[in-house]
Amino acid sequence: MPRTEGFATDRLTALATAKGALEHTVPEVLFVCVQNSGRSQMAAALLKACAGSRVHVRSAGSAPAGQIDLNAVEVLRRRGLDLDEEFP
């Protein structure tokens, strides 16, 4: 999925869920940090890897960075987790 489409889909799904237009079938977890480029992205990726489809995971930031921290990408890549499709 192209990055723009992924961003739009994520935001519209979040809005529809918040307004009650989508049913919650699994628990939702939101990880938040300032830039949403390191800690929250890593936490979200690790929970997704552990919980799979049993939990809907998102991350957010109050002042999002332009890209995910390359150190976070590398650390997770070593654990077999891919952040290529993620964005702050």
PDB file of N, CA and C in Angstrom:
ATOM      1  N   MET A   1       0.850  -1.176   0.000  1.00  0.00           N
ATOM      2  CA  MET A   1       0.000   0.000   0.000  1.00  0.00           C
ATOM      3  C   MET A   1       0.893   1.236   0.000  1.00  0.00           C
ATOM      4  N   PRO A   2       0.691   2.154  -0.908  1.00  0.00           N
ATOM      5  CA  PRO A   2       1.491   3.377  -0.922  1.00  0.00           C
ATOM      6  C   PRO A   2       1.351   4.146   0.395  1.00  0.00           C
ATOM      7  N   ARG A   3       2.394   4.861   0.765  1.00  0.00           N
ATOM      8  CA  ARG A   3       2.431   5.563   2.052  1.00  0.00           C
ATOM      9  C   ARG A   3       1.271   6.536   2.229  1.00  0.00           C
ATOM     10  N   THR A   4       0.916   7.295   1.183  1.00  0.00           N
ATOM     11  CA  THR A   4      -0.186   8.253   1.283  1.00  0.00           C
ATOM     12  C   THR A   4      -1.499   7.531   1.557  1.00  0.00           C
ATOM     13  N   GLU A   5      -1.717   6.428   0.867  1.00  0.00           N
ATOM     14  CA  GLU A   5      -2.937   5.653   1.075  1.00  0.00           C
ATOM     15  C   GLU A   5      -2.982   5.083   2.496  1.00  0.00           C
ATOM     16  N   GLY A   6      -1.851   4.604   2.978  1.00  0.00           N
ATOM     17  CA  GLY A   6      -1.785   4.078   4.343  1.00  0.00           C
ATOM     18  C   GLY A   6      -2.081   5.145   5.378  1.00  0.00           C
ATOM     19  N   PHE A   7      -1.506   6.334   5.175  1.00  0.00           N
ATOM     20  CA  PHE A   7      -1.751   7.456   6.092  1.00  0.00           C
ATOM     21  C   PHE A   7      -3.225   7.821   6.104  1.00  0.00           C
ATOM     22  N   ALA A   8      -3.818   7.974   4.920  1.00  0.00           N
ATOM     23  CA  ALA A   8      -5.232   8.345   4.820  1.00  0.00           C
ATOM     24  C   ALA A   8      -6.131   7.280   5.437  1.00  0.00           C
ATOM     25  N   THR A   9      -5.841   6.019   5.154  1.00  0.00           N
ATOM     26  CA  THR A   9      -6.643   4.917   5.697  1.00  0.00           C
ATOM     27  C   THR A   9      -6.567   4.902   7.219  1.00  0.00           C
ATOM     28  N   ASP A  10      -5.367   5.059   7.765  1.00  0.00           N
ATOM     29  CA  ASP A  10      -5.186   5.055   9.217  1.00  0.00           C
ATOM     30  C   ASP A  10      -5.960   6.190   9.867  1.00  0.00           C
ATOM     31  N   ARG A  11      -5.862   7.387   9.315  1.00  0.00           N
ATOM     32  CA  ARG A  11      -6.532   8.545   9.903  1.00  0.00           C
ATOM     33  C   ARG A  11      -8.055   8.448   9.791  1.00  0.00           C
ATOM     34  N   LEU A  12      -8.556   8.011   8.658  1.00  0.00           N
ATOM     35  CA  LEU A  12     -10.005   7.882   8.486  1.00  0.00           C
ATOM     36  C   LEU A  12     -10.571   6.773   9.375  1.00  0.00           C
ATOM     37  N   THR A  13      -9.837   5.685   9.513  1.00  0.00           N
ATOM     38  CA  THR A  13     -10.278   4.599  10.402  1.00  0.00           C
ATOM     39  C   THR A  13     -10.317   5.081  11.843  1.00  0.00           C
ATOM     40  N   ALA A  14      -9.289   5.831  12.255  1.00  0.00           N
ATOM     41  CA  ALA A  14      -9.259   6.366  13.618  1.00  0.00           C
ATOM     42  C   ALA A  14     -10.434   7.314  13.862  1.00  0.00           C
ATOM     43  N   LEU A  15     -10.728   8.159  12.901  1.00  0.00           N
ATOM     44  CA  LEU A  15     -11.844   9.094  13.032  1.00  0.00           C
ATOM     45  C   LEU A  15     -13.179   8.355  13.108  1.00  0.00           C
ATOM     46  N   ALA A  16     -13.375   7.387  12.233  1.00  0.00           N
ATOM     47  CA  ALA A  16     -14.631   6.621  12.236  1.00  0.00           C
ATOM     48  C   ALA A  16     -14.793   5.854  13.542  1.00  0.00           C
ATOM     49  N   THR A  17     -13.704   5.304  14.058  1.00  0.00           N
ATOM     50  CA  THR A  17     -13.765   4.566  15.320  1.00  0.00           C
ATOM     51  C   THR A  17     -14.102   5.516  16.466  1.00  0.00           C
ATOM     52  N   ALA A  18     -13.462   6.676  16.500  1.00  0.00           N
ATOM     53  CA  ALA A  18     -13.706   7.649  17.571  1.00  0.00           C
ATOM     54  C   ALA A  18     -15.145   8.147  17.565  1.00  0.00           C
ATOM     55  N   LYS A  19     -15.758   8.247  16.385  1.00  0.00           N
ATOM     56  CA  LYS A  19     -17.134   8.736  16.273  1.00  0.00           C
ATOM     57  C   LYS A  19     -18.172   7.625  16.425  1.00  0.00           C
ATOM     58  N   GLY A  20     -17.694   6.384  16.631  1.00  0.00           N
ATOM     59  CA  GLY A  20     -18.616   5.274  16.827  1.00  0.00           C
ATOM     60  C   GLY A  20     -19.168   4.677  15.545  1.00  0.00           C
ATOM     61  N   ALA A  21     -18.603   5.044  14.396  1.00  0.00           N
ATOM     62  CA  ALA A  21     -19.091   4.524  13.120  1.00  0.00           C
ATOM     63  C   ALA A  21     -18.538   3.128  12.820  1.00  0.00           C
ATOM     64  N   LEU A  22     -17.453   2.748  13.499  1.00  0.00           N
ATOM     65  CA  LEU A  22     -16.887   1.405  13.347  1.00  0.00           C
ATOM     66  C   LEU A  22     -16.966   0.682  14.680  1.00  0.00           C
ATOM     67  N   GLU A  23     -17.318  -0.561  14.625  1.00  0.00           N
ATOM     68  CA  GLU A  23     -17.432  -1.374  15.837  1.00  0.00           C
ATOM     69  C   GLU A  23     -16.052  -1.790  16.321  1.00  0.00           C
ATOM     70  N   HIS A  24     -15.844  -1.733  17.634  1.00  0.00           N
ATOM     71  CA  HIS A  24     -14.604  -2.220  18.248  1.00  0.00           C
ATOM     72  C   HIS A  24     -14.738  -3.725  18.431  1.00  0.00           C
ATOM     73  N   THR A  25     -13.967  -4.485  17.692  1.00  0.00           N
ATOM     74  CA  THR A  25     -14.020  -5.942  17.850  1.00  0.00           C
ATOM     75  C   THR A  25     -12.851  -6.460  18.672  1.00  0.00           C
ATOM     76  N   VAL A  26     -11.811  -5.644  18.827  1.00  0.00           N
ATOM     77  CA  VAL A  26     -10.650  -5.995  19.649  1.00  0.00           C
ATOM     78  C   VAL A  26     -10.243  -4.758  20.436  1.00  0.00           C
ATOM     79  N   PRO A  27      -9.492  -4.949  21.520  1.00  0.00           N
ATOM     80  CA  PRO A  27      -9.012  -3.778  22.266  1.00  0.00           C
ATOM     81  C   PRO A  27      -8.120  -2.902  21.393  1.00  0.00           C
ATOM     82  N   GLU A  28      -8.091  -1.608  21.700  1.00  0.00           N
ATOM     83  CA  GLU A  28      -7.231  -0.671  20.974  1.00  0.00           C
ATOM     84  C   GLU A  28      -6.174  -0.127  21.918  1.00  0.00           C
ATOM     85  N   VAL A  29      -4.956  -0.020  21.402  1.00  0.00           N
ATOM     86  CA  VAL A  29      -3.845   0.532  22.173  1.00  0.00           C
ATOM     87  C   VAL A  29      -3.226   1.654  21.354  1.00  0.00           C
ATOM     88  N   LEU A  30      -3.010   2.797  21.988  1.00  0.00           N
ATOM     89  CA  LEU A  30      -2.385   3.940  21.336  1.00  0.00           C
ATOM     90  C   LEU A  30      -1.120   4.285  22.103  1.00  0.00           C
ATOM     91  N   PHE A  31       0.022   4.216  21.432  1.00  0.00           N
ATOM     92  CA  PHE A  31       1.295   4.620  22.010  1.00  0.00           C
ATOM     93  C   PHE A  31       1.583   6.042  21.538  1.00  0.00           C
ATOM     94  N   VAL A  32       1.900   6.929  22.491  1.00  0.00           N
ATOM     95  CA  VAL A  32       2.117   8.332  22.156  1.00  0.00           C
ATOM     96  C   VAL A  32       3.463   8.797  22.707  1.00  0.00           C
ATOM     97  N   CYS A  33       4.225   9.483  21.869  1.00  0.00           N
ATOM     98  CA  CYS A  33       5.410  10.213  22.309  1.00  0.00           C
ATOM     99  C   CYS A  33       5.445  11.503  21.503  1.00  0.00           C
ATOM    100  N   VAL A  34       6.375  12.357  21.752  1.00  0.00           N
ATOM    101  CA  VAL A  34       6.358  13.670  21.112  1.00  0.00           C
ATOM    102  C   VAL A  34       6.514  13.558  19.595  1.00  0.00           C
ATOM    103  N   GLN A  35       7.571  12.913  19.126  1.00  0.00           N
ATOM    104  CA  GLN A  35       7.835  12.889  17.692  1.00  0.00           C
ATOM    105  C   GLN A  35       7.251  11.688  16.959  1.00  0.00           C
ATOM    106  N   ASN A  36       6.821  10.673  17.676  1.00  0.00           N
ATOM    107  CA  ASN A  36       6.278   9.454  17.058  1.00  0.00           C
ATOM    108  C   ASN A  36       7.252   8.901  16.022  1.00  0.00           C
ATOM    109  N   SER A  37       8.534   8.952  16.358  1.00  0.00           N
ATOM    110  CA  SER A  37       9.534   8.486  15.401  1.00  0.00           C
ATOM    111  C   SER A  37      10.451   7.417  15.985  1.00  0.00           C
ATOM    112  N   GLY A  38      10.299   7.118  17.261  1.00  0.00           N
ATOM    113  CA  GLY A  38      11.178   6.152  17.900  1.00  0.00           C
ATOM    114  C   GLY A  38      10.453   5.275  18.897  1.00  0.00           C
ATOM    115  N   ARG A  39      10.299   5.781  20.111  1.00  0.00           N
ATOM    116  CA  ARG A  39       9.743   4.972  21.200  1.00  0.00           C
ATOM    117  C   ARG A  39       8.351   4.443  20.907  1.00  0.00           C
ATOM    118  N   SER A  40       7.451   5.318  20.488  1.00  0.00           N
ATOM    119  CA  SER A  40       6.078   4.863  20.245  1.00  0.00           C
ATOM    120  C   SER A  40       6.016   3.911  19.052  1.00  0.00           C
ATOM    121  N   GLN A  41       6.827   4.162  18.024  1.00  0.00           N
ATOM    122  CA  GLN A  41       6.858   3.270  16.868  1.00  0.00           C
ATOM    123  C   GLN A  41       7.396   1.886  17.258  1.00  0.00           C
ATOM    124  N   MET A  42       8.434   1.885  18.090  1.00  0.00           N
ATOM    125  CA  MET A  42       8.999   0.607  18.537  1.00  0.00           C
ATOM    126  C   MET A  42       7.998  -0.162  19.401  1.00  0.00           C
ATOM    127  N   ALA A  43       7.353   0.544  20.324  1.00  0.00           N
ATOM    128  CA  ALA A  43       6.367  -0.113  21.186  1.00  0.00           C
ATOM    129  C   ALA A  43       5.218  -0.686  20.361  1.00  0.00           C
ATOM    130  N   ALA A  44       4.745   0.079  19.392  1.00  0.00           N
ATOM    131  CA  ALA A  44       3.645  -0.391  18.539  1.00  0.00           C
ATOM    132  C   ALA A  44       4.065  -1.622  17.742  1.00  0.00           C
ATOM    133  N   ALA A  45       5.258  -1.590  17.167  1.00  0.00           N
ATOM    134  CA  ALA A  45       5.731  -2.729  16.374  1.00  0.00           C
ATOM    135  C   ALA A  45       5.888  -3.980  17.223  1.00  0.00           C
ATOM    136  N   LEU A  46       6.413  -3.822  18.433  1.00  0.00           N
ATOM    137  CA  LEU A  46       6.590  -4.987  19.314  1.00  0.00           C
ATOM    138  C   LEU A  46       5.245  -5.568  19.749  1.00  0.00           C
ATOM    139  N   LEU A  47       4.279  -4.698  20.085  1.00  0.00           N
ATOM    140  CA  LEU A  47       2.964  -5.213  20.470  1.00  0.00           C
ATOM    141  C   LEU A  47       2.274  -5.891  19.293  1.00  0.00           C
ATOM    142  N   LYS A  48       2.355  -5.298  18.099  1.00  0.00           N
ATOM    143  CA  LYS A  48       1.768  -5.938  16.912  1.00  0.00           C
ATOM    144  C   LYS A  48       2.362  -7.317  16.692  1.00  0.00           C
ATOM    145  N   ALA A  49       3.674  -7.423  16.871  1.00  0.00           N
ATOM    146  CA  ALA A  49       4.344  -8.707  16.670  1.00  0.00           C
ATOM    147  C   ALA A  49       3.897  -9.741  17.700  1.00  0.00           C
ATOM    148  N   CYS A  50       3.686  -9.303  18.928  1.00  0.00           N
ATOM    149  CA  CYS A  50       3.282 -10.233  19.999  1.00  0.00           C
ATOM    150  C   CYS A  50       1.795 -10.572  19.962  1.00  0.00           C
ATOM    151  N   ALA A  51       0.959  -9.579  19.716  1.00  0.00           N
ATOM    152  CA  ALA A  51      -0.492  -9.762  19.826  1.00  0.00           C
ATOM    153  C   ALA A  51      -1.167 -10.085  18.497  1.00  0.00           C
ATOM    154  N   GLY A  52      -0.532  -9.753  17.404  1.00  0.00           N
ATOM    155  CA  GLY A  52      -1.157 -10.012  16.102  1.00  0.00           C
ATOM    156  C   GLY A  52      -2.470  -9.267  15.959  1.00  0.00           C
ATOM    157  N   SER A  53      -3.480  -9.960  15.493  1.00  0.00           N
ATOM    158  CA  SER A  53      -4.776  -9.325  15.242  1.00  0.00           C
ATOM    159  C   SER A  53      -5.678  -9.265  16.481  1.00  0.00           C
ATOM    160  N   ARG A  54      -5.171  -9.701  17.627  1.00  0.00           N
ATOM    161  CA  ARG A  54      -5.984  -9.666  18.855  1.00  0.00           C
ATOM    162  C   ARG A  54      -6.087  -8.277  19.450  1.00  0.00           C
ATOM    163  N   VAL A  55      -5.246  -7.334  18.952  1.00  0.00           N
ATOM    164  CA  VAL A  55      -5.238  -5.955  19.432  1.00  0.00           C
ATOM    165  C   VAL A  55      -5.023  -5.042  18.232  1.00  0.00           C
ATOM    166  N   HIS A  56      -5.736  -3.917  18.197  1.00  0.00           N
ATOM    167  CA  HIS A  56      -5.498  -2.905  17.162  1.00  0.00           C
ATOM    168  C   HIS A  56      -4.541  -1.887  17.758  1.00  0.00           C
ATOM    169  N   VAL A  57      -3.382  -1.719  17.120  1.00  0.00           N
ATOM    170  CA  VAL A  57      -2.313  -0.880  17.658  1.00  0.00           C
ATOM    171  C   VAL A  57      -2.085   0.328  16.757  1.00  0.00           C
ATOM    172  N   ARG A  58      -1.953   1.506  17.381  1.00  0.00           N
ATOM    173  CA  ARG A  58      -1.614   2.723  16.657  1.00  0.00           C
ATOM    174  C   ARG A  58      -0.562   3.479  17.456  1.00  0.00           C
ATOM    175  N   SER A  59       0.125   4.393  16.792  1.00  0.00           N
ATOM    176  CA  SER A  59       1.052   5.285  17.481  1.00  0.00           C
ATOM    177  C   SER A  59       0.779   6.703  17.019  1.00  0.00           C
ATOM    178  N   ALA A  60       1.182   7.656  17.858  1.00  0.00           N
ATOM    179  CA  ALA A  60       0.922   9.057  17.535  1.00  0.00           C
ATOM    180  C   ALA A  60       1.961   9.932  18.216  1.00  0.00           C
ATOM    181  N   GLY A  61       2.033  11.186  17.776  1.00  0.00           N
ATOM    182  CA  GLY A  61       2.936  12.144  18.383  1.00  0.00           C
ATOM    183  C   GLY A  61       2.317  13.522  18.405  1.00  0.00           C
ATOM    184  N   SER A  62       2.662  14.311  19.409  1.00  0.00           N
ATOM    185  CA  SER A  62       2.120  15.662  19.500  1.00  0.00           C
ATOM    186  C   SER A  62       2.822  16.620  18.529  1.00  0.00           C
ATOM    187  N   ALA A  63       4.045  16.286  18.131  1.00  0.00           N
ATOM    188  CA  ALA A  63       4.790  17.069  17.136  1.00  0.00           C
ATOM    189  C   ALA A  63       5.533  16.068  16.246  1.00  0.00           C
ATOM    190  N   PRO A  64       4.817  15.382  15.352  1.00  0.00           N
ATOM    191  CA  PRO A  64       5.406  14.285  14.582  1.00  0.00           C
ATOM    192  C   PRO A  64       6.630  14.699  13.754  1.00  0.00           C
ATOM    193  N   ALA A  65       7.613  13.831  13.742  1.00  0.00           N
ATOM    194  CA  ALA A  65       8.820  14.042  12.945  1.00  0.00           C
ATOM    195  C   ALA A  65       8.515  13.770  11.475  1.00  0.00           C
ATOM    196  N   GLY A  66       9.470  14.071  10.627  1.00  0.00           N
ATOM    197  CA  GLY A  66       9.304  13.840   9.198  1.00  0.00           C
ATOM    198  C   GLY A  66       9.494  12.382   8.800  1.00  0.00           C
ATOM    199  N   GLN A  67      10.224  11.626   9.627  1.00  0.00           N
ATOM    200  CA  GLN A  67      10.449  10.213   9.339  1.00  0.00           C
ATOM    201  C   GLN A  67      10.749   9.481  10.634  1.00  0.00           C
ATOM    202  N   ILE A  68      10.695   8.170  10.583  1.00  0.00           N
ATOM    203  CA  ILE A  68      11.015   7.357  11.753  1.00  0.00           C
ATOM    204  C   ILE A  68      12.522   7.357  11.953  1.00  0.00           C
ATOM    205  N   ASP A  69      12.945   7.423  13.196  1.00  0.00           N
ATOM    206  CA  ASP A  69      14.362   7.418  13.540  1.00  0.00           C
ATOM    207  C   ASP A  69      15.034   6.168  12.965  1.00  0.00           C
ATOM    208  N   LEU A  70      16.131   6.371  12.235  1.00  0.00           N
ATOM    209  CA  LEU A  70      16.811   5.255  11.580  1.00  0.00           C
ATOM    210  C   LEU A  70      17.384   4.253  12.570  1.00  0.00           C
ATOM    211  N   ASN A  71      17.716   4.698  13.787  1.00  0.00           N
ATOM    212  CA  ASN A  71      18.185   3.763  14.818  1.00  0.00           C
ATOM    213  C   ASN A  71      17.060   2.822  15.237  1.00  0.00           C
ATOM    214  N   ALA A  72      15.851   3.346  15.372  1.00  0.00           N
ATOM    215  CA  ALA A  72      14.696   2.508  15.715  1.00  0.00           C
ATOM    216  C   ALA A  72      14.434   1.500  14.607  1.00  0.00           C
ATOM    217  N   VAL A  73      14.523   1.948  13.362  1.00  0.00           N
ATOM    218  CA  VAL A  73      14.314   1.047  12.216  1.00  0.00           C
ATOM    219  C   VAL A  73      15.325  -0.084  12.258  1.00  0.00           C
ATOM    220  N   GLU A  74      16.589   0.244  12.505  1.00  0.00           N
ATOM    221  CA  GLU A  74      17.646  -0.769  12.506  1.00  0.00           C
ATOM    222  C   GLU A  74      17.486  -1.760  13.659  1.00  0.00           C
ATOM    223  N   VAL A  75      17.183  -1.257  14.850  1.00  0.00           N
ATOM    224  CA  VAL A  75      17.013  -2.139  16.013  1.00  0.00           C
ATOM    225  C   VAL A  75      15.874  -3.129  15.767  1.00  0.00           C
ATOM    226  N   LEU A  76      14.770  -2.640  15.249  1.00  0.00           N
ATOM    227  CA  LEU A  76      13.639  -3.534  15.000  1.00  0.00           C
ATOM    228  C   LEU A  76      13.913  -4.474  13.834  1.00  0.00           C
ATOM    229  N   ARG A  77      14.640  -4.024  12.848  1.00  0.00           N
ATOM    230  CA  ARG A  77      15.003  -4.893  11.720  1.00  0.00           C
ATOM    231  C   ARG A  77      15.823  -6.085  12.222  1.00  0.00           C
ATOM    232  N   ARG A  78      16.700  -5.849  13.184  1.00  0.00           N
ATOM    233  CA  ARG A  78      17.498  -6.937  13.774  1.00  0.00           C
ATOM    234  C   ARG A  78      16.616  -7.967  14.469  1.00  0.00           C
ATOM    235  N   ARG A  79      15.444  -7.536  14.917  1.00  0.00           N
ATOM    236  CA  ARG A  79      14.493  -8.450  15.570  1.00  0.00           C
ATOM    237  C   ARG A  79      13.499  -9.028  14.572  1.00  0.00           C
ATOM    238  N   GLY A  80      13.699  -8.739  13.292  1.00  0.00           N
ATOM    239  CA  GLY A  80      12.832  -9.269  12.269  1.00  0.00           C
ATOM    240  C   GLY A  80      11.557  -8.470  12.043  1.00  0.00           C
ATOM    241  N   LEU A  81      11.516  -7.243  12.535  1.00  0.00           N
ATOM    242  CA  LEU A  81      10.338  -6.391  12.389  1.00  0.00           C
ATOM    243  C   LEU A  81      10.628  -5.276  11.395  1.00  0.00           C
ATOM    244  N   ASP A  82       9.697  -5.017  10.514  1.00  0.00           N
ATOM    245  CA  ASP A  82       9.877  -4.065   9.431  1.00  0.00           C
ATOM    246  C   ASP A  82       9.025  -2.819   9.654  1.00  0.00           C
ATOM    247  N   LEU A  83       9.650  -1.653   9.638  1.00  0.00           N
ATOM    248  CA  LEU A  83       8.932  -0.379   9.797  1.00  0.00           C
ATOM    249  C   LEU A  83       8.822   0.383   8.475  1.00  0.00           C
ATOM    250  N   ASP A  84       9.123  -0.255   7.367  1.00  0.00           N
ATOM    251  CA  ASP A  84       9.142   0.439   6.081  1.00  0.00           C
ATOM    252  C   ASP A  84       7.821   1.094   5.721  1.00  0.00           C
ATOM    253  N   GLU A  85       6.697   0.539   6.125  1.00  0.00           N
ATOM    254  CA  GLU A  85       5.394   1.091   5.777  1.00  0.00           C
ATOM    255  C   GLU A  85       4.837   2.024   6.854  1.00  0.00           C
ATOM    256  N   GLU A  86       5.577   2.202   7.945  1.00  0.00           N
ATOM    257  CA  GLU A  86       5.106   3.047   9.036  1.00  0.00           C
ATOM    258  C   GLU A  86       5.520   4.494   8.802  1.00  0.00           C
ATOM    259  N   PHE A  87       4.862   5.414   9.507  1.00  0.00           N
ATOM    260  CA  PHE A  87       5.143   6.842   9.370  1.00  0.00           C
ATOM    261  C   PHE A  87       4.790   7.534  10.678  1.00  0.00           C
ATOM    262  N   PRO A  88       5.494   8.646  10.993  1.00  0.00           N
ATOM    263  CA  PRO A  88       5.154   9.392  12.219  1.00  0.00           C
ATOM    264  C   PRO A  88       3.796  10.074  12.102  1.00  0.00           C
TER     265      PRO A  88
END
